[in-house]
Amino acid sequence: MYLFSWQPTFAGGIYGAMHGLEIPFVFGRLSEEDRAFTPKRTKETEILSANMMKAWTSFAQNSNPNHYDIPDWPCYDNKKRSTFVFGNELYIWEDPLKKEREMWNNMTIWKNFFKRIKS
């Protein structure tokens, strides 16, 4: 499990770490200009991209994303919910956004939705 938290500078950073923004990092497709969906190539973005590419490649080859340039990335389980954070810093966050997750899990609309699907 991972969480991408890197904040782009495009348009004054108003978009934040939007959905799909990690894709250019995973494939090393950084831009020479500051664009909405393709981050600008800087020393910071190149390092983040290199670490993400190594993690994805290692996972594809060995079923394990760990490599020598990142903190130890533990296996995910429902107790600790260890999540690797890719951003200005690389670190493990135990049970990120717990309050939000619990709120969604406690909404009765989901229970009713899944009951209808099973019927």
C-alpha atoms as a PDB file:
ATOM      1  CA  MET A   1       0.000   0.000   0.000  1.00  0.00           C
ATOM      2  CA  TYR A   2       1.307   3.428  -0.834  1.00  0.00           C
ATOM      3  CA  LEU A   3       0.208   7.029  -0.590  1.00  0.00           C
ATOM      4  CA  PHE A   4       1.538   9.663  -2.980  1.00  0.00           C
ATOM      5  CA  SER A   5       1.832  13.019  -1.205  1.00  0.00           C
ATOM      6  CA  TRP A   6       4.169  15.063  -3.413  1.00  0.00           C
ATOM      7  CA  GLN A   7       2.744  18.539  -4.013  1.00  0.00           C
ATOM      8  CA  PRO A   8       3.133  20.059  -7.505  1.00  0.00           C
ATOM      9  CA  THR A   9       3.913  23.743  -7.958  1.00  0.00           C
ATOM     10  CA  PHE A  10       1.788  24.131 -11.101  1.00  0.00           C
ATOM     11  CA  ALA A  11      -0.829  26.916 -10.752  1.00  0.00           C
ATOM     12  CA  GLY A  12       0.507  27.795  -7.326  1.00  0.00           C
ATOM     13  CA  GLY A  13       0.029  24.243  -6.040  1.00  0.00           C
ATOM     14  CA  ILE A  14      -3.771  24.497  -5.830  1.00  0.00           C
ATOM     15  CA  TYR A  15      -4.286  20.951  -7.130  1.00  0.00           C
ATOM     16  CA  GLY A  16      -2.236  19.160  -4.486  1.00  0.00           C
ATOM     17  CA  ALA A  17      -1.294  15.501  -4.895  1.00  0.00           C
ATOM     18  CA  MET A  18      -4.170  14.806  -7.262  1.00  0.00           C
ATOM     19  CA  HIS A  19      -5.283  11.411  -8.520  1.00  0.00           C
ATOM     20  CA  GLY A  20      -2.873   9.923 -11.062  1.00  0.00           C
ATOM     21  CA  LEU A  21      -0.065  12.431 -10.457  1.00  0.00           C
ATOM     22  CA  GLU A  22       2.286   9.608  -9.451  1.00  0.00           C
ATOM     23  CA  ILE A  23       2.131   8.012 -12.921  1.00  0.00           C
ATOM     24  CA  PRO A  24       4.758  10.296 -14.540  1.00  0.00           C
ATOM     25  CA  PHE A  25       7.066   9.528 -11.592  1.00  0.00           C
ATOM     26  CA  VAL A  26       6.607   5.760 -11.942  1.00  0.00           C
ATOM     27  CA  PHE A  27       7.492   5.888 -15.650  1.00  0.00           C
ATOM     28  CA  GLY A  28      10.166   8.608 -15.443  1.00  0.00           C
ATOM     29  CA  ARG A  29       8.131  10.987 -17.621  1.00  0.00           C
ATOM     30  CA  LEU A  30       9.005  14.329 -16.046  1.00  0.00           C
ATOM     31  CA  SER A  31       8.713  17.545 -18.061  1.00  0.00           C
ATOM     32  CA  GLU A  32      11.125  20.352 -18.793  1.00  0.00           C
ATOM     33  CA  GLU A  33       8.280  22.770 -18.036  1.00  0.00           C
ATOM     34  CA  ASP A  34       5.882  23.080 -15.117  1.00  0.00           C
ATOM     35  CA  ARG A  35       2.669  21.389 -16.327  1.00  0.00           C
ATOM     36  CA  ALA A  36      -0.538  20.264 -14.650  1.00  0.00           C
ATOM     37  CA  PHE A  37      -0.163  16.503 -15.057  1.00  0.00           C
ATOM     38  CA  THR A  38       3.537  16.189 -15.856  1.00  0.00           C
ATOM     39  CA  PRO A  39       5.760  17.513 -13.058  1.00  0.00           C
ATOM     40  CA  LYS A  40       8.805  19.598 -13.874  1.00  0.00           C
ATOM     41  CA  ARG A  41      12.160  17.825 -13.858  1.00  0.00           C
ATOM     42  CA  THR A  42      14.151  18.979 -10.820  1.00  0.00           C
ATOM     43  CA  LYS A  43      16.684  17.234  -8.615  1.00  0.00           C
ATOM     44  CA  GLU A  44      13.845  16.504  -6.133  1.00  0.00           C
ATOM     45  CA  THR A  45      11.464  15.054  -8.733  1.00  0.00           C
ATOM     46  CA  GLU A  46      14.217  13.004 -10.371  1.00  0.00           C
ATOM     47  CA  ILE A  47      15.129  11.389  -7.025  1.00  0.00           C
ATOM     48  CA  LEU A  48      11.477  10.670  -6.207  1.00  0.00           C
ATOM     49  CA  SER A  49      10.913   9.245  -9.682  1.00  0.00           C
ATOM     50  CA  ALA A  50      14.019   7.038  -9.469  1.00  0.00           C
ATOM     51  CA  ASN A  51      12.909   5.644  -6.099  1.00  0.00           C
ATOM     52  CA  MET A  52       9.403   4.945  -7.373  1.00  0.00           C
ATOM     53  CA  MET A  53      10.673   3.284 -10.561  1.00  0.00           C
ATOM     54  CA  LYS A  54      13.020   1.048  -8.521  1.00  0.00           C
ATOM     55  CA  ALA A  55      10.169   0.091  -6.150  1.00  0.00           C
ATOM     56  CA  TRP A  56       7.766  -0.785  -8.995  1.00  0.00           C
ATOM     57  CA  THR A  57      10.489  -2.683 -10.881  1.00  0.00           C
ATOM     58  CA  SER A  58      11.532  -4.581  -7.759  1.00  0.00           C
ATOM     59  CA  PHE A  59       7.903  -5.469  -7.059  1.00  0.00           C
ATOM     60  CA  ALA A  60       7.414  -6.701 -10.639  1.00  0.00           C
ATOM     61  CA  GLN A  61      10.574  -8.821 -10.474  1.00  0.00           C
ATOM     62  CA  ASN A  62      10.450 -10.112  -6.886  1.00  0.00           C
ATOM     63  CA  SER A  63       6.959  -9.401  -5.499  1.00  0.00           C
ATOM     64  CA  ASN A  64       8.746  -7.080  -3.070  1.00  0.00           C
ATOM     65  CA  PRO A  65       9.070  -3.297  -3.618  1.00  0.00           C
ATOM     66  CA  ASN A  66      12.005  -2.876  -1.244  1.00  0.00           C
ATOM     67  CA  HIS A  67      15.340  -1.632  -2.535  1.00  0.00           C
ATOM     68  CA  TYR A  68      18.422  -0.074  -0.980  1.00  0.00           C
ATOM     69  CA  ASP A  69      17.384   3.597  -1.461  1.00  0.00           C
ATOM     70  CA  ILE A  70      14.119   3.542   0.521  1.00  0.00           C
ATOM     71  CA  PRO A  71      13.085   2.786   4.115  1.00  0.00           C
ATOM     72  CA  ASP A  72      11.998  -0.800   4.759  1.00  0.00           C
ATOM     73  CA  TRP A  73       8.518  -1.247   3.253  1.00  0.00           C
ATOM     74  CA  PRO A  74       6.644  -3.851   5.327  1.00  0.00           C
ATOM     75  CA  CYS A  75       3.909  -6.104   4.000  1.00  0.00           C
ATOM     76  CA  TYR A  76       0.424  -4.693   4.430  1.00  0.00           C
ATOM     77  CA  ASP A  77      -1.941  -6.174   6.992  1.00  0.00           C
ATOM     78  CA  ASN A  78      -5.318  -5.049   8.353  1.00  0.00           C
ATOM     79  CA  LYS A  79      -3.936  -4.519  11.863  1.00  0.00           C
ATOM     80  CA  LYS A  80      -1.068  -2.062  11.254  1.00  0.00           C
ATOM     81  CA  ARG A  81      -2.114  -0.913   7.773  1.00  0.00           C
ATOM     82  CA  SER A  82       1.504   0.075   7.071  1.00  0.00           C
ATOM     83  CA  THR A  83       1.523   2.461   4.114  1.00  0.00           C
ATOM     84  CA  PHE A  84       4.566   3.757   2.285  1.00  0.00           C
ATOM     85  CA  VAL A  85       4.417   7.519   1.686  1.00  0.00           C
ATOM     86  CA  PHE A  86       6.086   8.861  -1.461  1.00  0.00           C
ATOM     87  CA  GLY A  87       6.549  12.619  -1.184  1.00  0.00           C
ATOM     88  CA  ASN A  88       9.208  15.128  -0.218  1.00  0.00           C
ATOM     89  CA  GLU A  89      10.127  12.501   2.356  1.00  0.00           C
ATOM     90  CA  LEU A  90       9.851   8.712   2.139  1.00  0.00           C
ATOM     91  CA  TYR A  91       8.434   7.039   5.237  1.00  0.00           C
ATOM     92  CA  ILE A  92       5.989   4.462   6.592  1.00  0.00           C
ATOM     93  CA  TRP A  93       2.674   5.711   8.025  1.00  0.00           C
ATOM     94  CA  GLU A  94       0.741   3.269  10.191  1.00  0.00           C
ATOM     95  CA  ASP A  95      -3.009   3.354   9.462  1.00  0.00           C
ATOM     96  CA  PRO A  96      -3.084   6.632   7.518  1.00  0.00           C
ATOM     97  CA  LEU A  97      -6.303   8.617   7.404  1.00  0.00           C
ATOM     98  CA  LYS A  98      -7.819   6.291  10.012  1.00  0.00           C
ATOM     99  CA  LYS A  99     -10.679   8.637  10.916  1.00  0.00           C
ATOM    100  CA  GLU A 100     -11.701   9.036   7.281  1.00  0.00           C
ATOM    101  CA  ARG A 101     -11.518   5.273   6.651  1.00  0.00           C
ATOM    102  CA  GLU A 102     -13.636   4.528   9.713  1.00  0.00           C
ATOM    103  CA  MET A 103     -16.183   7.142   8.684  1.00  0.00           C
ATOM    104  CA  TRP A 104     -16.609   5.515   5.246  1.00  0.00           C
ATOM    105  CA  ASN A 105     -16.737   2.020   6.759  1.00  0.00           C
ATOM    106  CA  ASN A 106     -19.450   3.056   9.200  1.00  0.00           C
ATOM    107  CA  MET A 107     -21.785   4.512   6.597  1.00  0.00           C
ATOM    108  CA  THR A 108     -24.860   2.284   6.439  1.00  0.00           C
ATOM    109  CA  ILE A 109     -25.418   3.100   2.783  1.00  0.00           C
ATOM    110  CA  TRP A 110     -22.470   0.802   1.912  1.00  0.00           C
ATOM    111  CA  LYS A 111     -23.936  -2.077   3.899  1.00  0.00           C
ATOM    112  CA  ASN A 112     -27.241  -1.688   2.054  1.00  0.00           C
ATOM    113  CA  PHE A 113     -25.440  -1.337  -1.274  1.00  0.00           C
ATOM    114  CA  PHE A 114     -23.532  -4.599  -0.845  1.00  0.00           C
ATOM    115  CA  LYS A 115     -26.675  -6.404   0.327  1.00  0.00           C
ATOM    116  CA  ARG A 116     -28.365  -5.446  -2.952  1.00  0.00           C
ATOM    117  CA  ILE A 117     -25.400  -6.614  -5.023  1.00  0.00           C
ATOM    118  CA  LYS A 118     -25.382 -10.042  -3.333  1.00  0.00           C
ATOM    119  CA  SER A 119     -29.112 -10.506  -3.938  1.00  0.00           C
END
